[in-house]
Protein backbone atom coordinates (compact mmCIF):
# COMPACT_ATOMS: atom_id res chain seq x y z
CA MET A 1 -2.30 -1.40 56.97
CA LYS A 2 -0.01 -4.46 56.51
CA PRO A 3 2.77 -4.64 59.47
CA ILE A 4 6.38 -3.50 58.57
CA THR A 5 7.51 -6.45 60.07
CA ARG A 6 5.52 -9.61 58.18
CA ASN A 7 8.09 -11.23 55.94
CA LEU A 8 10.95 -9.49 57.25
CA GLY A 9 13.26 -12.26 56.77
CA TRP A 10 12.58 -12.36 52.73
CA LYS A 11 12.84 -8.42 52.80
CA LEU A 12 15.93 -8.08 54.02
CA ALA A 13 17.43 -11.15 51.95
CA SER A 14 16.29 -9.47 49.19
CA LEU A 15 17.44 -6.02 49.95
CA GLY A 16 20.26 -7.84 50.56
CA ALA A 17 21.16 -9.24 46.93
CA ALA A 18 19.63 -6.27 45.49
CA PHE A 19 22.76 -4.73 47.60
CA VAL A 20 25.61 -7.34 46.60
CA ILE A 21 24.27 -6.79 42.97
CA TRP A 22 24.86 -2.78 43.43
CA LEU A 23 28.53 -3.47 44.61
CA VAL A 24 29.45 -5.62 42.34
CA VAL A 25 28.32 -3.28 39.36
CA THR A 26 29.65 -0.55 40.71
CA GLY A 27 32.90 -1.49 41.89
CA ALA A 28 33.92 -4.17 38.75
CA ARG A 29 36.55 -2.39 36.96
CA GLU A 30 35.53 -0.80 33.72
CA LEU A 31 36.62 -2.40 30.56
CA THR A 32 36.57 -1.15 26.85
CA THR A 33 35.23 -3.38 24.25
CA SER A 34 34.22 -3.08 20.79
CA ILE A 35 31.00 -4.74 19.31
CA THR A 36 29.61 -4.59 15.88
CA VAL A 37 25.74 -3.68 15.77
CA PRO A 38 23.31 -4.22 12.77
CA VAL A 39 22.02 -0.82 11.34
CA GLN A 40 18.14 -0.38 11.28
CA TYR A 41 16.79 2.62 8.89
CA ARG A 42 13.55 4.07 9.78
CA ASN A 43 10.98 5.79 8.96
CA ILE A 44 11.45 5.96 5.13
CA PRO A 45 9.40 8.63 3.54
CA LYS A 46 6.99 6.69 0.97
CA ASN A 47 7.84 8.43 -2.12
CA LEU A 48 11.60 8.01 -1.30
CA GLU A 49 14.34 4.87 -1.92
CA ILE A 50 18.10 4.93 -0.43
CA SER A 51 20.26 4.76 -3.87
CA SER A 52 23.63 4.67 -1.94
CA ASP A 53 25.14 1.15 -0.70
CA ILE A 54 23.66 0.42 2.52
CA MET A 55 25.82 0.00 5.43
CA GLU A 56 24.48 -2.69 7.62
CA GLN A 57 26.57 -2.92 10.69
CA VAL A 58 28.54 -0.73 12.29
CA HIS A 59 31.36 -1.35 15.42
CA LEU A 60 30.51 0.47 18.67
CA VAL A 61 33.41 1.14 21.55
CA LEU A 62 32.09 1.09 24.75
CA ARG A 63 33.22 1.36 28.19
CA GLY A 64 31.38 -0.09 31.32
CA PRO A 65 31.71 -2.36 33.95
CA SER A 66 32.32 -5.99 32.72
CA PRO A 67 29.56 -7.81 34.05
CA LEU A 68 27.51 -5.06 31.90
CA LEU A 69 29.42 -5.52 29.00
CA SER A 70 29.98 -9.30 29.01
CA ARG A 71 25.93 -9.25 29.07
CA LEU A 72 25.45 -7.62 25.81
CA SER A 73 23.36 -8.99 23.14
CA PRO A 74 24.22 -7.04 19.74
CA SER A 75 21.35 -7.95 18.00
CA ALA A 76 19.08 -6.31 20.83
CA MET A 77 21.02 -3.11 20.44
CA PRO A 78 20.50 -2.05 16.96
CA LEU A 79 21.97 1.71 15.44
CA ILE A 80 18.84 3.64 14.80
CA VAL A 81 19.12 5.34 11.55
CA ASP A 82 15.97 8.08 11.64
CA LEU A 83 15.05 9.37 8.24
CA SER A 84 11.83 10.95 9.18
CA GLU A 85 13.34 14.31 8.29
CA VAL A 86 14.48 13.70 5.23
CA ARG A 87 11.94 15.39 2.63
CA THR A 88 13.90 15.64 -0.76
CA PRO A 89 15.99 13.70 -2.71
CA GLY A 90 19.83 14.65 -2.34
CA GLN A 91 22.77 13.03 -0.05
CA ARG A 92 22.39 12.97 3.54
CA THR A 93 25.40 12.80 6.25
CA PHE A 94 24.18 11.28 9.86
CA THR A 95 26.53 11.50 12.15
CA LEU A 96 26.46 8.61 14.87
CA ASP A 97 26.50 8.90 18.88
CA ARG A 98 24.64 7.79 21.89
CA ARG A 99 21.12 8.83 20.39
CA ASN A 100 20.98 6.33 17.98
CA VAL A 101 21.62 3.30 20.10
CA ASN A 102 19.73 2.55 23.25
CA LEU A 103 22.66 1.42 25.83
CA PRO A 104 21.77 0.25 29.36
CA ALA A 105 22.64 2.20 32.06
CA GLY A 106 26.27 2.36 33.02
CA VAL A 107 27.51 1.87 29.57
CA THR A 108 28.97 4.76 27.50
CA LEU A 109 29.48 4.90 23.64
CA GLU A 110 33.30 6.02 23.36
CA ARG A 111 33.01 6.21 19.45
CA ALA A 112 30.89 4.49 16.37
CA VAL A 113 32.91 3.20 13.03
CA PRO A 114 32.29 4.95 11.25
CA ALA A 115 31.64 7.87 12.76
CA GLN A 116 29.15 9.23 10.10
CA LEU A 117 26.63 7.81 7.79
CA GLN A 118 26.32 8.97 3.89
CA ILE A 119 23.30 8.36 2.28
CA ARG A 120 22.00 9.05 -0.81
CA MET A 121 18.25 9.29 -1.53
CA GLU A 122 16.26 8.97 -4.63
CA THR A 123 12.65 9.92 -5.91
CA ARG A 124 10.94 6.04 -6.10
CA SER A 125 10.33 4.99 -9.33
CA SER A 126 9.14 1.73 -11.23
CA ARG A 127 8.89 0.07 -14.47
CA ASP A 128 7.74 -3.17 -16.57
CA VAL A 129 10.47 -4.91 -17.78
CA PRO A 130 10.68 -8.15 -20.41
CA VAL A 131 11.86 -11.42 -18.46
CA LYS A 132 14.34 -13.32 -20.48
CA PRO A 133 14.83 -17.10 -19.95
CA GLN A 134 18.04 -18.47 -19.21
CA PHE A 135 19.14 -22.46 -20.41
CA GLU A 136 21.16 -24.76 -19.87
CA ASN A 137 21.72 -28.87 -20.86
CA ILE A 138 20.07 -28.44 -23.95
CA PRO A 139 19.89 -31.59 -25.54
CA GLU A 140 22.51 -32.43 -28.32
CA GLY A 141 21.27 -32.02 -31.45
CA MET A 142 18.48 -29.88 -30.38
CA GLN A 143 17.96 -26.24 -30.06
CA VAL A 144 15.68 -23.57 -28.41
CA LYS A 145 12.96 -23.19 -30.88
CA SER A 146 10.85 -20.91 -29.14
CA ALA A 147 9.97 -20.14 -25.37
CA GLU A 148 7.16 -18.33 -23.68
CA VAL A 149 7.66 -16.33 -20.18
CA SER A 150 4.40 -16.55 -18.25
CA PRO A 151 4.52 -13.88 -16.85
CA ALA A 152 6.05 -11.54 -19.72
CA LYS A 153 6.89 -9.01 -18.26
CA LEU A 154 7.73 -7.86 -14.43
CA THR A 155 7.65 -4.77 -12.47
CA VAL A 156 10.23 -3.54 -10.95
CA ILE A 157 10.81 -0.51 -8.36
CA GLY A 158 13.84 1.11 -6.28
CA PRO A 159 16.08 4.19 -6.77
CA GLN A 160 15.08 6.22 -10.52
CA SER A 161 18.48 5.88 -11.60
CA ARG A 162 18.55 1.85 -10.87
CA VAL A 163 15.64 1.24 -12.15
CA ARG A 164 16.44 3.09 -15.39
CA HIS A 165 19.47 0.91 -15.74
CA ILE A 166 17.22 -2.38 -16.10
CA GLN A 167 16.12 -2.85 -19.62
CA GLU A 168 15.40 -6.51 -18.62
CA VAL A 169 15.44 -9.38 -15.75
CA LEU A 170 17.08 -12.38 -16.42
CA THR A 171 15.65 -16.11 -14.89
CA ASP A 172 17.50 -18.40 -13.12
CA ALA A 173 18.80 -21.33 -15.48
CA VAL A 174 16.14 -23.99 -17.23
CA ASP A 175 17.49 -27.43 -16.94
CA LEU A 176 16.26 -28.19 -20.35
CA ARG A 177 16.03 -32.39 -19.17
CA MET A 178 14.03 -31.35 -16.66
CA LEU A 179 10.72 -29.98 -18.57
CA ASP A 180 7.58 -31.61 -18.00
CA ALA A 181 5.65 -33.31 -20.14
CA LYS A 182 4.35 -30.65 -21.40
CA GLY A 183 7.39 -28.40 -22.17
CA ASN A 184 7.24 -26.38 -19.26
CA ALA A 185 9.29 -25.61 -16.13
CA ALA A 186 9.20 -23.19 -13.22
CA SER A 187 11.60 -20.65 -12.76
CA THR A 188 12.39 -17.30 -10.85
CA ALA A 189 13.38 -13.94 -11.97
CA TYR A 190 16.59 -11.90 -10.75
CA SER A 191 16.89 -8.11 -11.07
CA GLY A 192 20.49 -7.95 -10.59
CA ASP A 193 20.26 -4.99 -8.70
CA ALA A 194 20.23 -5.69 -4.40
CA GLN A 195 18.21 -2.34 -4.53
CA VAL A 196 15.74 -3.04 -6.96
CA ASN A 197 12.96 -5.22 -6.14
CA PHE A 198 9.73 -6.41 -7.72
CA THR A 199 6.25 -5.63 -6.71
CA THR A 200 4.65 -9.04 -7.19
CA SER A 201 6.26 -12.27 -7.32
CA PRO A 202 9.33 -13.11 -9.21
CA ALA A 203 8.43 -16.58 -10.00
CA VAL A 204 7.53 -17.28 -13.68
CA THR A 205 6.80 -20.46 -15.61
CA ILE A 206 8.51 -20.82 -19.26
CA HIS A 207 7.25 -23.13 -22.30
CA VAL A 208 9.79 -24.50 -24.21
CA THR A 209 9.70 -25.51 -27.60
CA LEU A 210 12.82 -27.99 -28.59
CA ALA A 211 13.53 -28.84 -32.37
CA PRO A 212 15.99 -30.45 -33.97
CA LYS A 213 19.59 -28.30 -35.43
């Protein structure tokens, strides 16, 4: 058994330092502050999608000792919305409280702004839609005779009502002055809806044939 007096000086110094820190924290004047933190949506059911506008940030009004509040990192303490209990499409309201955010000991949540999040869930849906190329800087006296897109269709996926409204997807405008020797150009398709994604890469190749007007 090691004698308790071994390294006694270091032990006393460590104990003293811990005591000083405790005094600073407990004796510090409590303050109230507001910070903005990101929102994370977790455990989204595989057959459902969030169709309402997604809240990406919330404001938290916090109270605690000044030394603790000054060391808070918003990116390290996201507000968590757990969707594991959602089973069917429809509207759900989540009340935001202390259980949604991991705060250090000594810091309390006074309130969240907004205090509630209302989310609409829809069935996940997908469909194939044609890709429509867009052009710019058509050479003077020329016109686009034909344009072949590869792949000609892309699969989009997202909330059912939003996917239903997408009849086609557009490409970024292709500068016709920049076609290669074979008349090809690379571009990217855009769904036009932030909540509708592509199941594969949206990169496409467009073969353009120009002809005199």
